[in-house]
Protein backbone atom coordinates (compact mmCIF):
# COMPACT_ATOMS: atom_id res chain seq x y z
CA UNK A 1 0.21 -0.20 0.05
CA UNK A 2 1.10 3.37 -0.82
CA UNK A 3 2.77 5.37 1.90
CA UNK A 4 2.34 9.33 1.31
CA UNK A 5 5.31 9.37 4.76
CA UNK A 6 8.44 7.35 2.55
CA UNK A 7 8.45 10.77 0.83
CA UNK A 8 8.68 12.99 3.62
CA UNK A 9 12.12 13.36 3.28
CA UNK A 10 12.66 13.79 -0.20
CA UNK A 11 10.37 16.17 0.03
CA UNK A 12 12.10 18.24 2.88
CA UNK A 13 14.94 17.91 0.64
CA UNK A 14 13.88 19.12 -2.27
CA UNK A 15 12.42 22.78 0.07
CA UNK A 16 15.74 23.00 1.79
CA UNK A 17 17.57 22.61 -2.32
CA UNK A 18 15.24 25.27 -2.94
CA UNK A 19 16.14 27.32 0.26
CA UNK A 20 20.22 26.67 -0.90
CA UNK A 21 18.91 28.44 -3.85
CA UNK A 22 16.89 31.30 -2.10
CA UNK A 23 20.10 32.76 -1.21
CA UNK A 24 22.24 32.20 -4.30
CA UNK A 25 19.79 33.23 -7.29
CA UNK A 26 16.79 36.15 -8.10
CA UNK A 27 14.08 35.11 -6.42
CA UNK A 28 11.39 33.26 -8.07
CA UNK A 29 13.49 33.28 -11.22
CA UNK A 30 13.38 29.59 -12.09
CA UNK A 31 9.66 30.90 -13.06
CA UNK A 32 10.41 32.20 -15.47
CA UNK A 33 12.36 29.21 -18.19
CA UNK A 34 10.17 27.13 -19.47
CA UNK A 35 9.90 23.59 -17.61
CA UNK A 36 12.52 22.43 -20.67
CA UNK A 37 15.07 23.86 -19.47
CA UNK A 38 14.62 22.88 -16.12
CA UNK A 39 14.50 19.78 -17.18
CA UNK A 40 17.60 19.97 -19.35
CA UNK A 41 19.11 21.37 -16.11
CA UNK A 42 18.74 18.37 -14.12
CA UNK A 43 20.19 16.06 -16.99
CA UNK A 44 23.74 16.51 -15.71
CA UNK A 45 23.84 16.38 -12.23
CA UNK A 46 21.54 12.90 -12.85
CA UNK A 47 24.59 12.04 -15.07
CA UNK A 48 26.98 12.80 -12.17
CA UNK A 49 25.30 10.62 -9.74
CA UNK A 50 24.91 7.73 -12.54
CA UNK A 51 28.51 7.93 -13.58
CA UNK A 52 29.49 7.80 -9.59
CA UNK A 53 30.78 11.17 -8.60
CA UNK A 54 28.95 11.28 -5.20
CA UNK A 55 30.69 14.90 -4.25
CA UNK A 56 28.03 16.08 -4.17
CA UNK A 57 24.05 15.90 -3.55
CA UNK A 58 23.28 15.29 -7.30
CA UNK A 59 19.71 13.33 -7.04
CA UNK A 60 18.44 16.07 -4.95
CA UNK A 61 19.61 18.97 -7.58
CA UNK A 62 18.14 16.96 -9.81
CA UNK A 63 15.30 15.94 -8.52
CA UNK A 64 14.78 19.53 -7.03
CA UNK A 65 14.57 21.11 -10.90
CA UNK A 66 12.57 17.88 -11.84
CA UNK A 67 9.52 19.29 -9.08
CA UNK A 68 9.86 22.49 -10.64
CA UNK A 69 9.58 21.45 -14.04
CA UNK A 70 6.87 19.88 -12.88
CA UNK A 71 4.82 22.62 -10.91
CA UNK A 72 5.44 24.49 -14.23
CA UNK A 73 3.65 22.66 -16.65
CA UNK A 74 1.14 22.27 -14.38
CA UNK A 75 0.13 26.18 -13.65
């Protein structure tokens, strides 16, 4: 049976990445790009993860980009 609580930590991580981004980027700038932009930006950290690079939390950054794309797609 599906348990939404199993995803709680993942969602909290995405929120943390977004909060980090707020410190380094213009507020709400992510909304000015189309979903395809964020999907393309997710590709690099996914490739880094797949190649075994664990020097950064690439998976969290990729997931955040995909969440941005999904949010924009549905808006």
